[in-house]
Protein backbone atom coordinates (compact mmCIF):
# COMPACT_ATOMS: atom_id res chain seq x y z
CA MET A 1 -0.24 0.06 0.27
CA THR A 2 1.25 3.22 -1.24
CA SER A 3 1.80 6.21 1.28
CA ALA A 4 -0.38 8.35 -0.32
CA THR A 5 -3.30 5.88 1.89
CA THR A 6 -1.03 4.59 4.59
CA SER A 7 -0.83 8.16 6.23
CA SER A 8 -4.22 8.34 5.86
CA LEU A 9 -5.31 5.08 7.94
CA PRO A 10 -6.14 5.17 11.17
CA GLY A 11 -3.76 2.56 11.63
CA ALA A 12 -0.40 4.63 10.28
CA THR A 13 1.92 5.40 12.96
CA LEU A 14 2.69 9.36 14.29
CA ALA A 15 5.86 8.14 11.84
CA ASP A 16 4.43 7.71 8.94
CA ARG A 17 1.96 10.96 9.41
CA LEU A 18 5.01 13.03 10.64
CA ASP A 19 6.67 11.88 7.26
CA ALA A 20 3.54 12.72 5.12
CA GLN A 21 3.12 16.01 6.39
CA ALA A 22 7.33 16.86 5.74
CA HIS A 23 6.77 15.27 2.08
CA ALA A 24 3.41 17.13 1.66
CA LEU A 25 5.12 20.38 2.94
CA LEU A 26 8.12 19.70 0.69
CA ALA A 27 6.34 19.16 -2.49
CA ARG A 28 4.17 22.32 -2.07
CA ALA A 29 7.31 24.54 -1.15
CA SER A 30 9.38 22.65 -4.99
CA GLY A 31 5.83 23.05 -7.24
CA GLY A 32 5.45 19.54 -6.29
CA LEU A 33 10.10 18.93 -7.96
CA SER A 34 11.11 16.93 -5.95
CA PRO A 35 14.43 18.82 -4.41
CA ALA A 36 15.96 15.45 -3.83
CA SER A 37 15.91 14.13 -7.04
CA ALA A 38 17.56 16.98 -8.80
CA LEU A 39 20.48 17.07 -5.99
CA LEU A 40 21.42 13.42 -6.75
CA ALA A 41 21.49 13.94 -10.28
CA TRP A 42 23.95 16.88 -10.21
CA GLN A 43 25.79 15.60 -7.23
CA ASP A 44 26.03 11.67 -9.77
CA TRP A 45 27.39 13.95 -12.80
CA ALA A 46 29.60 16.60 -10.69
CA VAL A 47 31.10 13.63 -8.48
CA HIS A 48 32.26 11.95 -11.79
CA LEU A 49 33.62 14.89 -14.04
CA ALA A 50 35.18 15.74 -11.40
CA ASN A 51 37.43 12.74 -11.84
CA SER A 52 37.30 12.67 -15.04
CA PRO A 53 40.43 14.76 -16.46
CA GLY A 54 40.26 13.25 -19.94
CA LYS A 55 36.93 14.44 -19.78
CA GLN A 56 37.42 17.99 -18.42
CA MET A 57 40.31 18.32 -21.17
CA ALA A 58 38.04 17.61 -24.22
CA LEU A 59 35.46 20.08 -22.83
CA ALA A 60 38.30 22.79 -22.27
CA GLN A 61 39.37 22.02 -25.80
CA LEU A 62 35.68 22.66 -27.01
CA ALA A 63 35.41 25.53 -25.77
CA GLY A 64 38.69 27.16 -26.88
CA THR A 65 38.08 25.54 -30.04
CA GLN A 66 34.25 27.18 -29.81
CA ALA A 67 35.69 31.07 -28.32
CA GLN A 68 37.91 31.49 -31.66
CA ALA A 69 35.67 30.11 -34.30
CA LEU A 70 33.50 32.90 -32.64
CA SER A 71 35.42 35.53 -32.71
CA GLN A 72 36.72 34.45 -36.21
CA TYR A 73 33.15 34.76 -37.06
CA MET A 74 32.65 38.22 -35.54
CA ARG A 75 35.38 39.29 -37.98
CA ALA A 76 34.17 38.07 -40.84
CA ARG A 77 30.75 39.98 -39.89
CA LEU A 78 32.16 43.15 -38.99
CA GLN A 79 33.72 42.92 -42.81
CA ALA A 80 31.16 41.56 -44.44
CA ALA A 81 27.92 43.75 -46.61
CA PRO A 82 25.40 44.36 -44.51
CA ASP A 83 22.88 42.01 -46.23
CA HIS A 84 25.72 38.82 -45.47
CA GLU A 85 23.73 36.05 -43.79
CA GLN A 86 26.62 33.58 -43.37
CA VAL A 87 26.05 31.63 -40.09
CA LEU A 88 28.78 30.19 -38.10
CA VAL A 89 26.44 26.81 -37.00
CA GLU A 90 22.57 25.90 -37.88
CA PRO A 91 19.83 25.58 -35.36
CA PRO A 92 18.80 21.89 -35.14
CA ALA A 93 15.87 21.62 -37.24
CA GLN A 94 13.19 21.17 -34.92
CA ASP A 95 14.38 24.80 -33.50
CA ARG A 96 11.81 27.69 -34.33
CA ARG A 97 12.96 30.52 -32.34
CA PHE A 98 15.29 31.40 -34.99
CA VAL A 99 14.15 30.64 -38.19
CA ASP A 100 13.53 34.42 -39.26
CA PRO A 101 15.84 35.73 -41.55
CA ALA A 102 16.54 38.57 -39.01
CA TRP A 103 18.36 36.27 -36.83
CA ARG A 104 21.02 36.51 -39.46
CA LYS A 105 21.23 40.27 -39.65
CA TRP A 106 23.87 41.86 -37.74
CA PRO A 107 24.22 42.13 -34.05
CA PHE A 108 21.93 39.49 -33.94
CA CYS A 109 23.67 37.14 -35.52
CA LEU A 110 26.05 36.95 -32.95
CA TRP A 111 24.13 36.31 -30.23
CA GLN A 112 21.90 34.04 -31.87
CA GLN A 113 25.37 31.60 -32.74
CA SER A 114 26.83 32.66 -29.04
CA PHE A 115 22.98 30.97 -27.29
CA LEU A 116 23.75 28.09 -30.07
CA LEU A 117 27.48 27.58 -28.87
CA THR A 118 26.75 27.45 -25.49
CA GLU A 119 24.07 25.19 -26.65
CA GLN A 120 26.56 22.65 -27.74
CA TRP A 121 28.59 22.59 -25.21
CA TRP A 122 26.74 22.35 -22.46
CA ASP A 123 25.11 19.40 -24.43
CA ALA A 124 28.32 17.73 -24.44
CA ALA A 125 29.28 18.41 -20.77
CA THR A 126 25.87 16.60 -19.87
CA HIS A 127 26.63 13.68 -21.79
CA GLY A 128 29.43 11.06 -21.90
CA VAL A 129 30.61 11.70 -18.05
CA SER A 130 31.69 8.10 -17.76
CA GLY A 131 29.82 6.78 -14.56
CA VAL A 132 27.17 8.89 -14.10
CA ASP A 133 23.55 7.40 -14.16
CA ARG A 134 21.78 7.12 -17.47
CA HIS A 135 18.62 8.37 -15.14
CA HIS A 136 20.68 11.11 -13.60
CA GLU A 137 22.66 11.82 -17.00
CA ASN A 138 19.15 12.54 -18.84
CA MET A 139 18.14 15.04 -15.82
CA VAL A 140 21.13 16.96 -15.58
CA SER A 141 20.46 17.45 -19.54
CA PHE A 142 17.45 18.84 -19.17
CA TRP A 143 17.79 21.20 -16.71
CA ALA A 144 20.93 22.55 -18.23
CA ARG A 145 18.76 22.81 -21.64
CA GLN A 146 15.66 24.81 -19.28
CA TRP A 147 18.23 27.06 -17.71
CA LEU A 148 19.53 27.69 -20.79
CA ASP A 149 16.30 29.02 -22.64
CA MET A 150 15.91 30.90 -19.76
CA PHE A 151 18.80 33.22 -21.41
CA SER A 152 17.68 33.09 -25.11
CA PRO A 153 18.08 35.91 -26.53
CA GLY A 154 14.81 35.32 -27.96
CA ASN A 155 13.05 36.14 -25.04
CA ARG A 156 14.65 39.50 -23.91
CA LEU A 157 13.14 42.58 -26.00
CA ALA A 158 16.85 44.40 -26.65
CA THR A 159 18.23 41.35 -28.40
CA ASN A 160 15.00 39.91 -30.36
CA PRO A 161 15.18 41.76 -34.02
CA LEU A 162 11.48 40.98 -34.18
CA ALA A 163 10.40 42.47 -30.73
CA LEU A 164 12.85 45.85 -31.65
CA ARG A 165 11.13 46.30 -35.13
CA ARG A 166 7.36 45.40 -33.85
CA THR A 167 7.66 47.91 -31.04
CA VAL A 168 9.72 50.51 -33.78
CA GLU A 169 6.41 49.58 -36.10
CA GLU A 170 4.22 50.44 -33.22
CA LEU A 171 5.48 52.73 -30.88
CA GLY A 172 5.54 50.73 -28.17
CA ALA A 173 1.97 50.33 -28.61
CA ASN A 174 3.07 45.92 -28.73
CA LEU A 175 4.26 46.62 -25.51
CA VAL A 176 1.45 47.81 -23.45
CA ARG A 177 -0.90 45.35 -24.52
CA GLY A 178 1.73 43.00 -23.78
CA ALA A 179 1.41 44.55 -20.12
CA GLN A 180 -2.05 44.15 -19.76
CA HIS A 181 -2.11 40.18 -21.20
CA LEU A 182 0.48 40.11 -18.35
CA VAL A 183 -2.06 41.62 -16.10
CA GLU A 184 -4.91 39.33 -17.13
CA ASP A 185 -2.70 36.42 -17.30
CA LEU A 186 -1.83 37.21 -12.90
CA GLN A 187 -5.31 38.01 -12.86
CA GLN A 188 -6.48 34.11 -13.60
CA ALA A 189 -3.48 32.85 -11.91
CA VAL A 190 -4.45 34.07 -8.52
CA THR A 191 -7.94 33.17 -8.69
CA GLY A 192 -7.67 30.10 -10.13
CA THR A 193 -10.16 31.32 -13.50
CA GLY A 194 -8.99 29.79 -17.02
CA PRO A 195 -9.74 31.77 -19.84
CA GLU A 196 -12.87 32.33 -22.29
CA THR A 197 -11.64 29.45 -24.56
CA GLY A 198 -15.71 30.08 -26.93
CA PHE A 199 -16.11 26.20 -26.95
CA THR A 200 -18.84 25.42 -24.59
CA VAL A 201 -19.40 21.11 -24.55
CA GLY A 202 -22.55 20.51 -26.18
CA ARG A 203 -22.97 22.93 -27.95
CA ASP A 204 -19.37 23.85 -30.19
CA VAL A 205 -17.75 20.16 -29.25
CA ALA A 206 -18.69 16.66 -28.00
CA VAL A 207 -22.45 17.80 -30.18
CA THR A 208 -22.18 14.33 -31.58
CA PRO A 209 -25.39 13.06 -30.95
CA GLY A 210 -26.16 9.90 -28.34
CA GLN A 211 -27.92 8.63 -25.34
CA VAL A 212 -25.93 7.68 -22.18
CA VAL A 213 -27.26 4.17 -21.21
CA LEU A 214 -24.97 3.75 -18.23
CA ARG A 215 -24.13 5.93 -15.20
CA ASN A 216 -21.62 4.47 -12.05
CA ARG A 217 -19.29 6.09 -10.03
CA VAL A 218 -16.29 5.85 -12.65
CA MET A 219 -18.14 6.77 -15.36
CA GLU A 220 -20.73 7.31 -18.12
CA LEU A 221 -21.31 5.30 -21.31
CA ILE A 222 -22.41 7.09 -24.53
CA GLN A 223 -23.95 4.96 -27.12
CA TYR A 224 -23.91 7.42 -30.33
CA ALA A 225 -27.10 7.66 -32.63
CA PRO A 226 -26.67 6.04 -36.33
CA ALA A 227 -25.69 7.89 -38.89
CA THR A 228 -26.48 5.53 -42.01
CA GLY A 229 -29.46 3.05 -42.78
CA LEU A 230 -27.62 0.16 -42.39
CA VAL A 231 -24.52 -0.48 -39.48
CA HIS A 232 -21.41 -3.08 -39.37
CA ALA A 233 -22.63 -5.56 -37.23
CA GLU A 234 -19.51 -5.14 -35.04
CA PRO A 235 -20.09 -2.00 -32.97
CA VAL A 236 -16.28 -0.12 -31.35
CA LEU A 237 -15.14 0.84 -28.05
CA LEU A 238 -13.94 3.80 -27.36
CA ILE A 239 -11.72 4.25 -23.85
CA PRO A 240 -10.11 7.47 -23.87
CA ALA A 241 -7.64 8.13 -20.95
CA TRP A 242 -9.21 9.40 -17.45
CA ILE A 243 -6.13 11.88 -17.28
CA MET A 244 -8.55 13.68 -19.66
CA LYS A 245 -12.08 14.32 -20.74
CA TYR A 246 -13.31 11.76 -23.66
CA TYR A 247 -14.00 14.59 -26.04
CA ILE A 248 -11.04 14.94 -28.16
CA LEU A 249 -12.41 12.42 -29.56
CA ASP A 250 -16.02 14.15 -30.30
CA LEU A 251 -14.39 17.75 -30.63
CA SER A 252 -15.70 19.81 -33.27
CA PRO A 253 -18.11 18.08 -36.13
CA HIS A 254 -14.98 18.16 -38.62
CA ASP A 255 -12.61 17.49 -36.12
CA SER A 256 -14.56 14.17 -34.73
CA LEU A 257 -13.70 11.37 -34.67
CA VAL A 258 -16.50 9.67 -32.86
CA LYS A 259 -19.10 11.38 -35.78
CA TYR A 260 -16.72 10.01 -38.47
CA LEU A 261 -16.96 6.30 -37.55
CA VAL A 262 -20.52 6.78 -37.48
CA ASP A 263 -20.74 8.45 -41.07
CA GLN A 264 -18.83 5.27 -41.76
CA GLY A 265 -21.80 3.25 -40.44
CA HIS A 266 -20.67 2.07 -37.22
CA THR A 267 -21.97 1.42 -33.97
CA VAL A 268 -19.85 3.82 -31.67
CA PHE A 269 -19.77 3.41 -27.58
CA CYS A 270 -17.80 5.54 -26.04
CA ILE A 271 -16.71 5.99 -22.01
CA SER A 272 -17.06 9.26 -20.68
CA TRP A 273 -14.63 9.29 -17.40
CA LYS A 274 -16.50 10.90 -13.98
CA ASN A 275 -13.81 14.44 -12.86
CA PRO A 276 -12.45 12.67 -9.07
CA GLY A 277 -12.79 14.44 -6.32
CA GLU A 278 -11.76 14.03 -2.66
CA ALA A 279 -14.65 10.93 -2.06
CA GLU A 280 -13.02 8.86 -5.25
CA ARG A 281 -9.75 8.79 -3.34
CA ASP A 282 -9.59 5.38 -2.84
CA LEU A 283 -10.66 4.61 -6.52
CA GLY A 284 -7.39 2.35 -7.48
CA MET A 285 -6.84 0.36 -11.05
CA ASP A 286 -9.32 -1.95 -10.56
CA ASP A 287 -12.21 0.18 -9.88
CA TYR A 288 -10.91 1.77 -13.51
CA LEU A 289 -10.80 -1.89 -15.01
CA ARG A 290 -13.87 -3.13 -13.25
CA ASP A 291 -16.27 -0.20 -13.23
CA GLY A 292 -14.63 1.45 -16.41
CA PHE A 293 -13.77 -1.15 -18.99
CA HIS A 294 -15.55 -4.28 -18.28
CA ALA A 295 -18.78 -2.45 -16.90
CA ALA A 296 -18.90 -0.76 -20.58
CA LEU A 297 -18.16 -4.03 -22.71
CA ASP A 298 -20.71 -5.87 -20.75
CA ALA A 299 -23.65 -2.96 -21.83
CA VAL A 300 -22.39 -3.26 -25.22
CA ASN A 301 -22.96 -6.50 -25.18
CA ALA A 302 -26.62 -6.59 -23.95
CA ILE A 303 -27.59 -3.60 -26.58
CA VAL A 304 -25.53 -5.66 -29.35
CA PRO A 305 -26.56 -8.85 -27.95
CA LYS A 306 -24.01 -11.78 -29.94
CA ARG A 307 -21.81 -9.69 -31.91
CA LYS A 308 -17.86 -9.35 -30.76
CA VAL A 309 -16.57 -5.65 -29.64
CA HIS A 310 -13.27 -3.39 -31.53
CA ALA A 311 -11.97 -2.04 -28.28
CA THR A 312 -10.06 0.78 -29.03
CA GLY A 313 -7.83 2.99 -26.18
CA TYR A 314 -6.26 5.50 -26.35
CA CYS A 315 -3.29 7.27 -23.93
CA LEU A 316 -4.05 5.69 -20.75
CA GLY A 317 -7.30 4.06 -21.90
CA GLY A 318 -4.85 1.70 -23.86
CA THR A 319 -2.72 0.75 -21.14
CA LEU A 320 -6.22 -0.01 -19.15
CA LEU A 321 -7.36 -1.76 -22.50
CA ALA A 322 -4.00 -4.24 -22.63
CA ILE A 323 -4.63 -4.84 -18.88
CA ALA A 324 -7.91 -6.07 -19.45
CA ALA A 325 -7.59 -7.85 -22.89
CA ALA A 326 -4.57 -9.82 -21.30
CA ALA A 327 -6.96 -10.30 -18.71
CA MET A 328 -9.63 -11.50 -21.07
CA ALA A 329 -7.62 -14.26 -22.80
CA ARG A 330 -5.90 -15.73 -19.70
CA ASP A 331 -9.34 -16.14 -18.62
CA GLY A 332 -10.68 -17.44 -21.63
CA ASP A 333 -12.84 -14.59 -22.03
CA THR A 334 -14.02 -14.60 -26.12
CA ARG A 335 -16.15 -11.13 -26.27
CA LEU A 336 -13.26 -8.65 -28.30
CA ALA A 337 -13.23 -8.56 -31.85
CA SER A 338 -9.78 -6.66 -32.04
CA THR A 339 -8.13 -4.12 -30.28
CA SER A 340 -6.88 -0.69 -31.49
CA TYR A 341 -4.27 1.61 -28.78
CA PHE A 342 -3.48 4.78 -30.07
CA ALA A 343 -0.43 6.23 -28.01
CA ALA A 344 -0.53 4.04 -25.56
CA GLN A 345 2.25 2.82 -23.74
CA THR A 346 2.52 -1.00 -22.67
CA ASP A 347 6.56 -1.19 -21.94
CA PHE A 348 7.13 1.83 -19.40
CA SER A 349 11.09 0.81 -19.00
CA GLU A 350 12.47 4.03 -21.71
CA PRO A 351 8.76 6.73 -21.35
CA GLY A 352 10.74 9.37 -22.90
CA GLU A 353 11.32 12.55 -21.12
CA LEU A 354 8.57 12.16 -18.80
CA GLY A 355 10.50 9.34 -17.17
CA LEU A 356 12.46 12.37 -15.91
CA PHE A 357 9.86 13.52 -13.41
CA ILE A 358 8.99 10.04 -12.00
CA ASP A 359 11.51 8.26 -9.57
CA ALA A 360 11.04 6.68 -6.07
CA SER A 361 11.72 9.94 -4.15
CA GLN A 362 9.13 12.03 -7.06
CA VAL A 363 6.19 9.58 -6.42
CA SER A 364 6.16 10.07 -3.02
CA LEU A 365 6.34 13.72 -3.11
CA LEU A 366 2.76 13.52 -5.24
CA GLU A 367 1.81 10.53 -3.51
CA ALA A 368 2.40 13.40 0.20
CA GLN A 369 0.48 15.72 -1.63
CA MET A 370 -2.32 13.56 -2.76
CA ALA A 371 -2.96 12.21 0.54
CA LYS A 372 -3.76 16.21 1.59
CA THR A 373 -6.54 16.39 -1.13
CA GLY A 374 -7.26 12.66 -2.07
CA TYR A 375 -6.40 13.88 -5.87
CA LEU A 376 -4.16 15.51 -8.37
CA LYS A 377 -4.61 19.09 -9.65
CA ALA A 378 -4.54 19.05 -13.25
CA SER A 379 -1.90 22.26 -12.16
CA GLN A 380 0.16 19.43 -10.42
CA MET A 381 0.85 18.43 -13.92
CA ALA A 382 0.87 21.75 -15.48
CA GLY A 383 3.94 22.31 -14.72
CA ALA A 384 6.27 18.90 -16.01
CA PHE A 385 4.51 18.78 -19.06
CA GLN A 386 4.91 23.23 -20.01
CA MET A 387 9.00 22.62 -19.36
CA LEU A 388 8.76 18.91 -22.13
CA ARG A 389 7.76 21.72 -24.22
CA SER A 390 9.10 24.62 -22.65
CA TYR A 391 9.61 26.77 -25.75
CA ASP A 392 5.67 25.77 -27.22
CA LEU A 393 4.23 26.15 -24.11
CA LEU A 394 6.20 28.56 -22.23
CA TRP A 395 8.63 31.19 -24.03
CA SER A 396 7.09 30.90 -27.04
CA ARG A 397 3.70 32.44 -25.84
CA LEU A 398 5.99 35.02 -23.18
CA VAL A 399 6.91 36.36 -26.43
CA HIS A 400 3.95 36.36 -28.11
CA ASP A 401 1.22 37.38 -25.75
CA TYR A 402 4.02 39.90 -24.27
CA LEU A 403 6.87 41.17 -26.40
CA LEU A 404 4.94 41.10 -29.60
CA GLY A 405 1.79 42.21 -28.02
CA ASP A 406 -0.36 39.58 -29.70
CA ARG A 407 -3.28 37.09 -28.12
CA SER A 408 -4.03 33.91 -29.68
CA GLY A 409 -7.68 32.71 -30.66
CA PHE A 410 -8.66 29.42 -28.89
CA ASN A 411 -8.76 26.34 -31.39
CA ASP A 412 -11.42 23.05 -30.58
CA LEU A 413 -8.29 21.47 -29.42
CA MET A 414 -6.71 23.84 -27.41
CA ALA A 415 -10.01 24.33 -25.76
CA TRP A 416 -10.34 20.69 -25.01
CA ASN A 417 -6.29 20.96 -23.05
CA ALA A 418 -8.12 23.77 -20.81
CA ASP A 419 -10.66 21.90 -19.58
CA THR A 420 -8.30 19.95 -16.92
CA THR A 421 -9.09 16.89 -14.58
CA ARG A 422 -7.54 15.57 -11.84
CA MET A 423 -6.53 11.73 -11.07
CA PRO A 424 -7.70 9.93 -7.64
CA ALA A 425 -4.91 9.49 -5.17
CA THR A 426 -4.37 5.89 -5.61
CA MET A 427 -5.56 5.04 -8.77
CA HIS A 428 -2.25 7.59 -9.81
CA SER A 429 0.09 6.49 -7.12
CA GLN A 430 -0.44 2.70 -8.36
CA TYR A 431 0.26 3.26 -12.08
CA LEU A 432 3.19 5.63 -11.25
CA ARG A 433 4.97 2.45 -9.20
CA ARG A 434 3.22 -0.57 -10.89
CA LEU A 435 3.76 0.86 -14.02
CA PHE A 436 5.92 3.51 -14.69
CA LEU A 437 8.90 2.28 -12.03
CA ASN A 438 8.02 -1.10 -11.22
CA ASP A 439 7.04 -1.60 -15.30
CA ASP A 440 4.70 -4.68 -14.16
CA LEU A 441 2.45 -4.77 -16.97
CA SER A 442 5.62 -5.87 -19.67
CA GLU A 443 7.47 -8.24 -17.48
CA GLY A 444 4.15 -10.21 -16.23
CA ARG A 445 3.69 -8.75 -12.51
CA TYR A 446 0.57 -6.79 -13.11
CA PRO A 447 -2.46 -8.46 -10.69
CA VAL A 448 -5.81 -8.76 -11.81
CA ASP A 449 -8.14 -10.84 -9.67
CA GLY A 450 -5.06 -11.84 -7.75
CA ARG A 451 -3.40 -13.37 -10.45
CA PRO A 452 -0.91 -11.56 -13.62
CA VAL A 453 -1.18 -11.56 -16.52
CA SER A 454 0.43 -11.93 -19.40
CA LEU A 455 0.89 -9.37 -22.75
CA GLY A 456 2.36 -12.16 -24.23
CA SER A 457 -1.45 -14.16 -24.64
CA LEU A 458 -2.53 -11.52 -26.71
CA THR A 459 -3.47 -12.15 -30.49
CA LEU A 460 -6.59 -10.60 -31.61
CA PRO A 461 -5.44 -8.17 -34.81
CA THR A 462 -4.11 -4.98 -33.53
CA PHE A 463 -3.94 -1.55 -34.64
CA MET A 464 -1.33 0.77 -33.06
CA VAL A 465 -1.10 4.46 -33.24
CA GLY A 466 2.68 6.37 -32.36
CA THR A 467 2.71 10.04 -33.06
CA ALA A 468 6.32 11.22 -34.03
CA THR A 469 6.81 14.44 -31.52
CA ASP A 470 4.98 12.45 -28.76
CA HIS A 471 6.25 13.89 -25.09
CA VAL A 472 4.05 11.70 -23.42
CA ALA A 473 4.12 8.28 -24.70
CA PRO A 474 7.03 8.06 -27.55
CA TRP A 475 6.36 6.03 -30.50
CA ARG A 476 9.46 4.19 -30.05
CA SER A 477 7.86 3.10 -26.68
CA VAL A 478 3.91 2.39 -27.83
CA HIS A 479 6.09 0.43 -30.44
CA LYS A 480 7.56 -2.26 -28.07
CA LEU A 481 4.81 -4.19 -28.12
CA HIS A 482 5.22 -5.60 -31.69
CA TYR A 483 7.91 -8.27 -29.22
CA LEU A 484 5.91 -8.30 -26.26
CA CYS A 485 3.17 -10.25 -27.88
CA PRO A 486 2.88 -12.59 -31.12
CA ALA A 487 -0.14 -10.76 -32.33
CA GLU A 488 -1.02 -9.48 -36.62
CA ILE A 489 0.30 -5.59 -35.29
CA THR A 490 -0.75 -2.54 -37.87
CA PHE A 491 1.22 -0.16 -36.52
CA VAL A 492 0.99 3.39 -38.03
CA LEU A 493 3.21 6.45 -37.42
CA THR A 494 1.73 9.78 -37.62
CA SER A 495 2.62 13.27 -38.11
CA GLY A 496 2.12 15.15 -35.31
CA GLY A 497 1.96 15.20 -31.30
CA HIS A 498 0.35 13.14 -28.52
CA ASN A 499 -3.47 15.08 -28.72
CA ALA A 500 -2.87 16.62 -32.33
CA GLY A 501 -0.93 13.37 -34.30
CA ILE A 502 -4.48 11.56 -32.63
CA VAL A 503 -7.02 15.14 -34.02
CA ASN A 504 -6.05 13.99 -37.44
CA PRO A 505 -9.41 14.17 -40.02
CA PRO A 506 -9.46 13.63 -43.33
CA VAL A 507 -9.53 17.12 -44.88
CA SER A 508 -7.89 17.87 -48.29
CA THR A 509 -5.66 20.84 -46.97
CA SER A 510 -4.19 18.10 -44.84
CA LYS A 511 0.31 18.69 -44.74
CA ARG A 512 -0.40 15.09 -42.44
CA GLN A 513 1.58 12.35 -43.14
CA TYR A 514 1.82 8.59 -41.94
CA GLN A 515 4.11 5.44 -42.69
CA TRP A 516 2.62 1.81 -41.61
CA LEU A 517 3.15 -1.76 -41.36
CA THR A 518 1.53 -4.78 -40.39
CA ARG A 519 3.28 -7.54 -39.05
CA GLU A 520 1.73 -11.00 -39.29
CA ALA A 521 0.81 -12.75 -36.65
CA GLY A 522 4.10 -14.83 -35.63
CA GLY A 523 5.83 -12.59 -37.80
CA THR A 524 9.73 -11.47 -37.12
CA TYR A 525 10.10 -8.50 -34.65
CA LEU A 526 11.18 -5.20 -36.52
CA ALA A 527 13.28 -2.77 -34.44
CA PRO A 528 11.77 0.81 -34.90
CA ASP A 529 14.57 1.79 -36.76
CA GLU A 530 14.08 -1.46 -38.93
CA TRP A 531 10.45 -0.77 -38.81
CA LEU A 532 11.20 2.69 -39.97
CA ALA A 533 13.04 2.03 -42.98
CA ALA A 534 10.62 -0.78 -44.21
CA ALA A 535 7.38 1.30 -43.55
CA SER A 536 5.05 2.99 -46.20
CA THR A 537 4.51 6.61 -47.02
CA VAL A 538 0.97 7.63 -46.83
CA ARG A 539 0.08 11.51 -47.68
CA GLY A 540 -3.02 12.50 -45.44
CA SER A 541 -4.73 10.96 -42.20
CA TRP A 542 -4.13 8.03 -40.82
CA TRP A 543 -8.26 8.13 -40.21
CA PRO A 544 -9.64 6.32 -43.14
CA ALA A 545 -7.25 3.43 -42.91
CA TRP A 546 -8.16 2.36 -39.75
CA GLN A 547 -11.80 2.91 -40.76
CA GLN A 548 -10.97 0.98 -43.25
CA TRP A 549 -9.21 -2.01 -41.33
CA LEU A 550 -11.73 -1.82 -38.88
CA ALA A 551 -14.65 -2.63 -41.99
CA ALA A 552 -12.91 -5.67 -42.84
CA ARG A 553 -13.16 -7.01 -39.39
CA SER A 554 -16.72 -5.90 -38.71
CA GLY A 555 -18.73 -8.11 -40.40
CA ALA A 556 -21.71 -7.61 -42.99
CA GLN A 557 -23.87 -4.54 -42.97
CA VAL A 558 -27.16 -4.70 -40.50
CA LYS A 559 -30.28 -2.49 -38.97
CA PRO A 560 -28.71 -0.28 -36.55
CA PRO A 561 -29.25 -1.33 -32.86
CA ARG A 562 -31.83 0.76 -31.23
CA MET A 563 -30.48 3.26 -28.71
CA GLY A 564 -30.31 1.66 -25.00
CA SER A 565 -31.77 -2.21 -24.10
CA SER A 566 -33.92 -3.12 -21.27
CA ALA A 567 -31.18 -3.45 -18.99
CA TYR A 568 -29.50 -0.42 -20.08
CA PRO A 569 -32.05 2.66 -20.78
CA ALA A 570 -31.26 5.42 -22.57
CA THR A 571 -31.59 8.26 -19.77
CA ALA A 572 -30.05 11.69 -21.10
CA ASP A 573 -28.67 13.03 -24.02
CA ALA A 574 -24.80 13.68 -25.11
CA PRO A 575 -22.47 14.31 -24.12
CA GLY A 576 -24.19 13.70 -20.43
CA SER A 577 -23.23 15.10 -16.67
CA TYR A 578 -19.46 14.15 -16.21
CA VAL A 579 -17.75 15.76 -18.81
CA LEU A 580 -19.28 18.86 -17.31
CA GLU A 581 -18.09 18.71 -14.14
CA LYS A 582 -14.72 20.87 -13.16
């Protein structure tokens, strides 16, 4: 049992309660980040670097070479024509901070080049130090990048050519607007109110017609109304993550995966998770499995009898589906026709940069925080995600809003992202310890009904989607199911990130593309790089490919089932009430 629960139980010792209080105070003071984790990482790196004279010599030589090159570059630029745009080092391909040609003009080019060379030096300094633990090396490198990002010349008015040009053109009006934006944001931070997005759930998003056919303490199940005279015989059950609200799968009608499936003749059910509060503090993974997935599957079986179900899980919902499918295979339950996983991990040994914020010390602080409230607040998760994408979510916004004085409007995906949720203390603690820290699922130790399940028992046809720039579920980690189970797997790698890569409607103006390849049941394992070399590339959205994959496995066309059943009557219109809870 975790400290998040033991510290609040009547049998908890005085020592347990004191430790939990101390950890909660420390977490509050440190913004939920573990000082011990950071200190251990820096200490590991510094001690080993101090004992590596060869590495020190190499770094000193690199610094000297860079200083000499920068000096020569400065002299060459001073002697060159004003429109000369030669650079010493090009920014990384993924670095969008310096794409504007103004950064190649004097004197901005000097500041830009100096900054990029400093980044290169620190990258060399934080990698390749013999003896440093890999997790610590990644942490030191990450925090070094965060520290350097603060000093990027693009973040300051005096050294940002775009902000200076805007200020001259508008005679400083942009800075006045930026100050107003800053005041508005500070007021929202103090009052805890979110920005006005202009999107209302049930009016602008989550508008696909349907009915709530089941409500329990964990979720509501929505059955969507048919849009065609005939439908594919086998229904689709969507299992979103409870770290997010379900309607990322049912955004505006032109962005809605649910509507797309219904329009293609599929009978669709979707789980809408309850936004937990203190009363749900003791809900665990077993509750989400039993009262979430299995309760929904029972309802779908009753409403569409004698038909197998295509189960589809997104993010944490996909991990839950993998656990459920493995348990069903173990127990001889054959009610599923196929499984689909969108940006969902089943092996957590390489979780990507998100793993920087998940170790034993960090989890103990989170558990202490959750023990006080009974849940993890969205604000406690936001900081980590902002740092993982510090340029996209923090620095570029500061420049855009405060220096340039602009405000971007909200689209439906941004509005959904601002509609945050919470997570129960017990469930989140189990999720972090069993999956992230111990990797119990991929190693055959994860228990369901008191007995471990094995991903090696998964044999159903499987469709998987990884997204190329995913910071939450890196596609190489998602891909690992290939060597964990013998099932036929059609794997898609699509452009975009964890959310935008999944919201991928088939429109003619789309610049999206994806790669895909099917590994036959029992086929040879291809490592990620081998898979990349062998997979076909297709322009456009992956949605039609998945829909055709489903249709080929969904039987003949039949009349649509009725909405609900005697045991599962329709009680409310979609989107239901749980999605509206704040």
